[in-house]
């Protein structure tokens, strides 16, 4: 399931929780203070758009949500993991 060792731990726990609770509503608080609310839409494999032979190339999972406020889609990866996640009004701890 893991595409990238950097996804282990907190992001892996997040990914598993979300895929087990797809019908829930979520609120995400990011490190910069931004808050987004959304519903699970999908997940997909992604990469950082570098050439395959580039030493910085990486693949990773993205979890896609539909914004409750706007209907726009947004993605969460290990790169932009929220500092707080709320599921149906309950704060969820994914560890370190």
N, C-alpha and C. Protein backbone atom coordinates (compact mmCIF):
# COMPACT_ATOMS: atom_id res chain seq x y z
N UNK A 1 0.83 -1.19 0.00
CA UNK A 1 0.00 0.00 0.00
C UNK A 1 0.87 1.25 0.00
N UNK A 2 1.94 1.26 0.77
CA UNK A 2 2.82 2.43 0.84
C UNK A 2 3.61 2.55 -0.46
N UNK A 3 3.60 3.74 -1.04
CA UNK A 3 4.39 3.99 -2.24
C UNK A 3 5.73 4.64 -1.90
N UNK A 4 5.82 5.22 -0.72
CA UNK A 4 6.96 6.03 -0.34
C UNK A 4 7.22 5.83 1.15
N UNK A 5 8.43 5.55 1.57
CA UNK A 5 8.70 5.36 3.00
C UNK A 5 8.32 6.58 3.86
N UNK A 6 8.28 7.76 3.25
CA UNK A 6 7.91 8.97 4.00
C UNK A 6 6.43 8.98 4.38
N UNK A 7 5.65 8.06 3.81
CA UNK A 7 4.22 7.97 4.13
C UNK A 7 3.95 7.13 5.37
N UNK A 8 4.96 6.44 5.86
CA UNK A 8 4.76 5.58 7.02
C UNK A 8 4.40 6.42 8.25
N UNK A 9 3.77 5.82 9.20
CA UNK A 9 3.40 6.51 10.43
C UNK A 9 2.12 7.30 10.29
N UNK A 10 2.20 8.59 10.53
CA UNK A 10 1.02 9.46 10.61
C UNK A 10 0.18 9.45 9.33
N UNK A 11 0.83 9.61 8.17
CA UNK A 11 0.05 9.63 6.93
C UNK A 11 -0.57 8.27 6.65
N UNK A 12 0.15 7.20 6.89
CA UNK A 12 -0.41 5.85 6.70
C UNK A 12 -1.64 5.66 7.58
N UNK A 13 -1.57 6.07 8.84
CA UNK A 13 -2.71 5.97 9.76
C UNK A 13 -3.89 6.80 9.25
N UNK A 14 -3.60 8.02 8.78
CA UNK A 14 -4.61 8.90 8.19
C UNK A 14 -5.28 8.22 6.99
N UNK A 15 -4.47 7.73 6.07
CA UNK A 15 -4.97 7.09 4.85
C UNK A 15 -5.90 5.93 5.19
N UNK A 16 -5.47 5.07 6.09
CA UNK A 16 -6.29 3.91 6.48
C UNK A 16 -7.59 4.34 7.13
N UNK A 17 -7.53 5.35 8.01
CA UNK A 17 -8.74 5.83 8.68
C UNK A 17 -9.73 6.38 7.66
N UNK A 18 -9.25 7.23 6.77
CA UNK A 18 -10.13 7.85 5.77
C UNK A 18 -10.78 6.78 4.89
N UNK A 19 -10.01 5.81 4.44
CA UNK A 19 -10.58 4.79 3.56
C UNK A 19 -11.57 3.89 4.30
N UNK A 20 -11.48 3.84 5.62
CA UNK A 20 -12.45 3.09 6.42
C UNK A 20 -13.67 3.92 6.82
N UNK A 21 -13.61 5.25 6.62
CA UNK A 21 -14.69 6.16 7.01
C UNK A 21 -15.02 7.11 5.85
N UNK A 22 -15.30 6.55 4.70
CA UNK A 22 -15.50 7.35 3.48
C UNK A 22 -16.75 8.21 3.50
N UNK A 23 -17.73 7.87 4.28
CA UNK A 23 -18.99 8.62 4.27
C UNK A 23 -19.03 9.74 5.30
N UNK A 24 -17.96 9.91 6.05
CA UNK A 24 -17.91 10.92 7.11
C UNK A 24 -17.63 12.31 6.55
N UNK A 25 -17.86 13.32 7.39
CA UNK A 25 -17.48 14.70 7.10
C UNK A 25 -16.21 15.02 7.87
N UNK A 26 -15.33 15.78 7.25
CA UNK A 26 -14.04 16.08 7.85
C UNK A 26 -13.78 17.58 7.92
N UNK A 27 -13.04 17.96 8.95
CA UNK A 27 -12.50 19.32 9.06
C UNK A 27 -11.00 19.15 9.23
N UNK A 28 -10.24 19.91 8.44
CA UNK A 28 -8.79 19.84 8.47
C UNK A 28 -8.22 21.21 8.86
N UNK A 29 -7.30 21.20 9.79
CA UNK A 29 -6.58 22.41 10.18
C UNK A 29 -5.13 22.21 9.76
N UNK A 30 -4.63 23.13 8.94
CA UNK A 30 -3.28 23.02 8.41
C UNK A 30 -2.32 23.90 9.21
N UNK A 31 -1.02 23.64 9.06
CA UNK A 31 0.01 24.33 9.83
C UNK A 31 -0.03 25.85 9.64
N UNK A 32 -0.46 26.32 8.48
CA UNK A 32 -0.52 27.76 8.22
C UNK A 32 -1.81 28.40 8.74
N UNK A 33 -2.66 27.60 9.43
CA UNK A 33 -3.91 28.12 9.98
C UNK A 33 -5.12 27.94 9.08
N UNK A 34 -4.90 27.54 7.84
CA UNK A 34 -6.03 27.32 6.92
C UNK A 34 -6.89 26.17 7.43
N UNK A 35 -8.20 26.33 7.29
CA UNK A 35 -9.15 25.31 7.70
C UNK A 35 -10.00 24.95 6.48
N UNK A 36 -10.13 23.66 6.22
CA UNK A 36 -10.96 23.18 5.12
C UNK A 36 -11.87 22.09 5.65
N UNK A 37 -13.09 22.06 5.13
CA UNK A 37 -14.04 21.00 5.46
C UNK A 37 -14.35 20.25 4.18
N UNK A 38 -14.46 18.93 4.29
CA UNK A 38 -14.72 18.17 3.08
C UNK A 38 -15.26 16.79 3.34
N UNK A 39 -15.66 16.18 2.25
CA UNK A 39 -16.12 14.80 2.22
C UNK A 39 -15.18 14.04 1.31
N UNK A 40 -14.92 12.78 1.67
CA UNK A 40 -14.05 11.94 0.86
C UNK A 40 -14.59 11.87 -0.57
N UNK A 41 -13.68 11.99 -1.53
CA UNK A 41 -14.04 11.88 -2.95
C UNK A 41 -13.36 10.66 -3.58
N UNK A 42 -12.05 10.54 -3.38
CA UNK A 42 -11.30 9.45 -3.99
C UNK A 42 -9.88 9.44 -3.44
N UNK A 43 -9.11 8.46 -3.84
CA UNK A 43 -7.67 8.49 -3.59
C UNK A 43 -6.98 7.99 -4.85
N UNK A 44 -5.72 8.37 -5.00
CA UNK A 44 -5.00 8.02 -6.22
C UNK A 44 -3.50 8.02 -5.95
N UNK A 45 -2.80 7.29 -6.79
CA UNK A 45 -1.35 7.38 -6.78
C UNK A 45 -0.96 8.65 -7.52
N UNK A 46 0.09 9.30 -7.04
CA UNK A 46 0.55 10.53 -7.67
C UNK A 46 2.07 10.54 -7.66
N UNK A 47 2.65 11.55 -8.28
CA UNK A 47 4.10 11.74 -8.23
C UNK A 47 4.40 13.23 -8.25
N UNK A 48 5.68 13.55 -8.15
CA UNK A 48 6.07 14.96 -8.08
C UNK A 48 6.45 15.54 -9.44
N UNK A 49 6.02 14.90 -10.52
CA UNK A 49 6.14 15.42 -11.89
C UNK A 49 7.58 15.54 -12.38
N UNK A 50 8.50 14.87 -11.74
CA UNK A 50 9.88 14.85 -12.23
C UNK A 50 10.06 13.65 -13.13
N UNK A 51 11.13 13.64 -13.90
CA UNK A 51 11.44 12.49 -14.74
C UNK A 51 11.77 11.27 -13.88
N UNK A 52 11.42 10.10 -14.37
CA UNK A 52 11.64 8.87 -13.61
C UNK A 52 13.10 8.66 -13.21
N UNK A 53 14.02 9.12 -14.02
CA UNK A 53 15.44 8.93 -13.70
C UNK A 53 16.01 10.04 -12.82
N UNK A 54 15.21 11.03 -12.47
CA UNK A 54 15.66 12.11 -11.57
C UNK A 54 15.78 11.54 -10.16
N UNK A 55 16.90 11.78 -9.48
CA UNK A 55 17.06 11.23 -8.12
C UNK A 55 16.04 11.76 -7.12
N UNK A 56 15.39 12.88 -7.42
CA UNK A 56 14.38 13.46 -6.53
C UNK A 56 12.96 12.97 -6.85
N UNK A 57 12.82 12.14 -7.90
CA UNK A 57 11.51 11.63 -8.28
C UNK A 57 10.93 10.80 -7.14
N UNK A 58 9.63 10.99 -6.89
CA UNK A 58 8.96 10.17 -5.89
C UNK A 58 7.50 9.95 -6.26
N UNK A 59 6.97 8.83 -5.82
CA UNK A 59 5.55 8.52 -5.93
C UNK A 59 4.96 8.54 -4.53
N UNK A 60 3.67 8.85 -4.44
CA UNK A 60 3.00 8.90 -3.15
C UNK A 60 1.50 8.84 -3.37
N UNK A 61 0.77 8.59 -2.30
CA UNK A 61 -0.69 8.59 -2.35
C UNK A 61 -1.23 10.00 -2.14
N UNK A 62 -2.35 10.28 -2.77
CA UNK A 62 -3.09 11.50 -2.50
C UNK A 62 -4.53 11.10 -2.17
N UNK A 63 -5.08 11.74 -1.15
CA UNK A 63 -6.48 11.54 -0.78
C UNK A 63 -7.22 12.79 -1.22
N UNK A 64 -8.27 12.61 -1.99
CA UNK A 64 -8.99 13.73 -2.60
C UNK A 64 -10.32 13.92 -1.88
N UNK A 65 -10.59 15.18 -1.53
CA UNK A 65 -11.83 15.54 -0.83
C UNK A 65 -12.58 16.57 -1.65
N UNK A 66 -13.89 16.58 -1.47
CA UNK A 66 -14.74 17.62 -2.06
C UNK A 66 -15.09 18.60 -0.95
N UNK A 67 -14.78 19.87 -1.18
CA UNK A 67 -15.06 20.91 -0.19
C UNK A 67 -16.56 21.01 0.08
N UNK A 68 -16.92 21.03 1.34
CA UNK A 68 -18.33 21.18 1.72
C UNK A 68 -18.82 22.57 1.35
N UNK A 69 -17.96 23.57 1.47
CA UNK A 69 -18.36 24.96 1.21
C UNK A 69 -18.49 25.28 -0.28
N UNK A 70 -17.54 24.81 -1.09
CA UNK A 70 -17.49 25.25 -2.49
C UNK A 70 -17.73 24.15 -3.52
N UNK A 71 -17.59 22.91 -3.11
CA UNK A 71 -17.69 21.81 -4.07
C UNK A 71 -16.39 21.54 -4.82
N UNK A 72 -15.38 22.40 -4.62
CA UNK A 72 -14.08 22.21 -5.26
C UNK A 72 -13.37 21.00 -4.64
N UNK A 73 -12.51 20.37 -5.42
CA UNK A 73 -11.72 19.25 -4.93
C UNK A 73 -10.39 19.76 -4.38
N UNK A 74 -9.92 19.11 -3.32
CA UNK A 74 -8.58 19.39 -2.79
C UNK A 74 -7.94 18.09 -2.37
N UNK A 75 -6.60 18.09 -2.36
CA UNK A 75 -5.84 16.87 -2.09
C UNK A 75 -5.06 17.00 -0.80
N UNK A 76 -4.89 15.87 -0.13
CA UNK A 76 -4.01 15.78 1.02
C UNK A 76 -3.03 14.64 0.75
N UNK A 77 -1.74 14.93 0.91
CA UNK A 77 -0.67 13.95 0.78
C UNK A 77 0.20 14.05 2.03
N UNK A 78 1.24 13.25 2.09
CA UNK A 78 2.14 13.40 3.23
C UNK A 78 2.84 14.76 3.20
N UNK A 79 2.87 15.41 2.04
CA UNK A 79 3.50 16.73 1.91
C UNK A 79 2.72 17.84 2.62
N UNK A 80 1.40 17.73 2.66
CA UNK A 80 0.58 18.80 3.23
C UNK A 80 -0.37 18.27 4.31
N UNK A 81 0.09 17.27 5.04
CA UNK A 81 -0.72 16.63 6.08
C UNK A 81 -1.21 17.66 7.09
N UNK A 82 -2.51 17.71 7.40
CA UNK A 82 -3.03 18.67 8.38
C UNK A 82 -2.47 18.40 9.78
N UNK A 83 -2.44 19.45 10.60
CA UNK A 83 -2.00 19.29 11.99
C UNK A 83 -3.15 18.79 12.86
N UNK A 84 -4.38 19.02 12.42
CA UNK A 84 -5.57 18.51 13.12
C UNK A 84 -6.54 17.95 12.09
N UNK A 85 -7.16 16.83 12.45
CA UNK A 85 -8.21 16.23 11.62
C UNK A 85 -9.39 15.94 12.53
N UNK A 86 -10.56 16.41 12.10
CA UNK A 86 -11.81 16.16 12.82
C UNK A 86 -12.71 15.34 11.93
N UNK A 87 -13.27 14.28 12.47
CA UNK A 87 -14.18 13.40 11.73
C UNK A 87 -15.53 13.43 12.43
N UNK A 88 -16.54 13.94 11.74
CA UNK A 88 -17.89 14.05 12.31
C UNK A 88 -17.86 14.69 13.69
N UNK A 89 -17.04 15.74 13.84
CA UNK A 89 -16.97 16.52 15.07
C UNK A 89 -16.05 15.96 16.14
N UNK A 90 -15.35 14.87 15.86
CA UNK A 90 -14.45 14.26 16.85
C UNK A 90 -13.02 14.40 16.34
N UNK A 91 -12.13 14.95 17.19
CA UNK A 91 -10.73 15.10 16.82
C UNK A 91 -10.07 13.72 16.81
N UNK A 92 -9.35 13.43 15.70
CA UNK A 92 -8.71 12.14 15.53
C UNK A 92 -7.19 12.33 15.66
N UNK A 93 -6.55 11.45 16.43
CA UNK A 93 -5.11 11.49 16.63
C UNK A 93 -4.48 10.37 15.80
N UNK A 94 -3.62 10.75 14.88
CA UNK A 94 -2.95 9.77 14.03
C UNK A 94 -1.53 9.49 14.48
N UNK A 95 -1.12 9.98 15.63
CA UNK A 95 0.23 9.75 16.13
C UNK A 95 1.25 10.62 15.43
N UNK A 96 2.48 10.33 15.68
CA UNK A 96 3.58 11.12 15.09
C UNK A 96 4.00 10.58 13.76
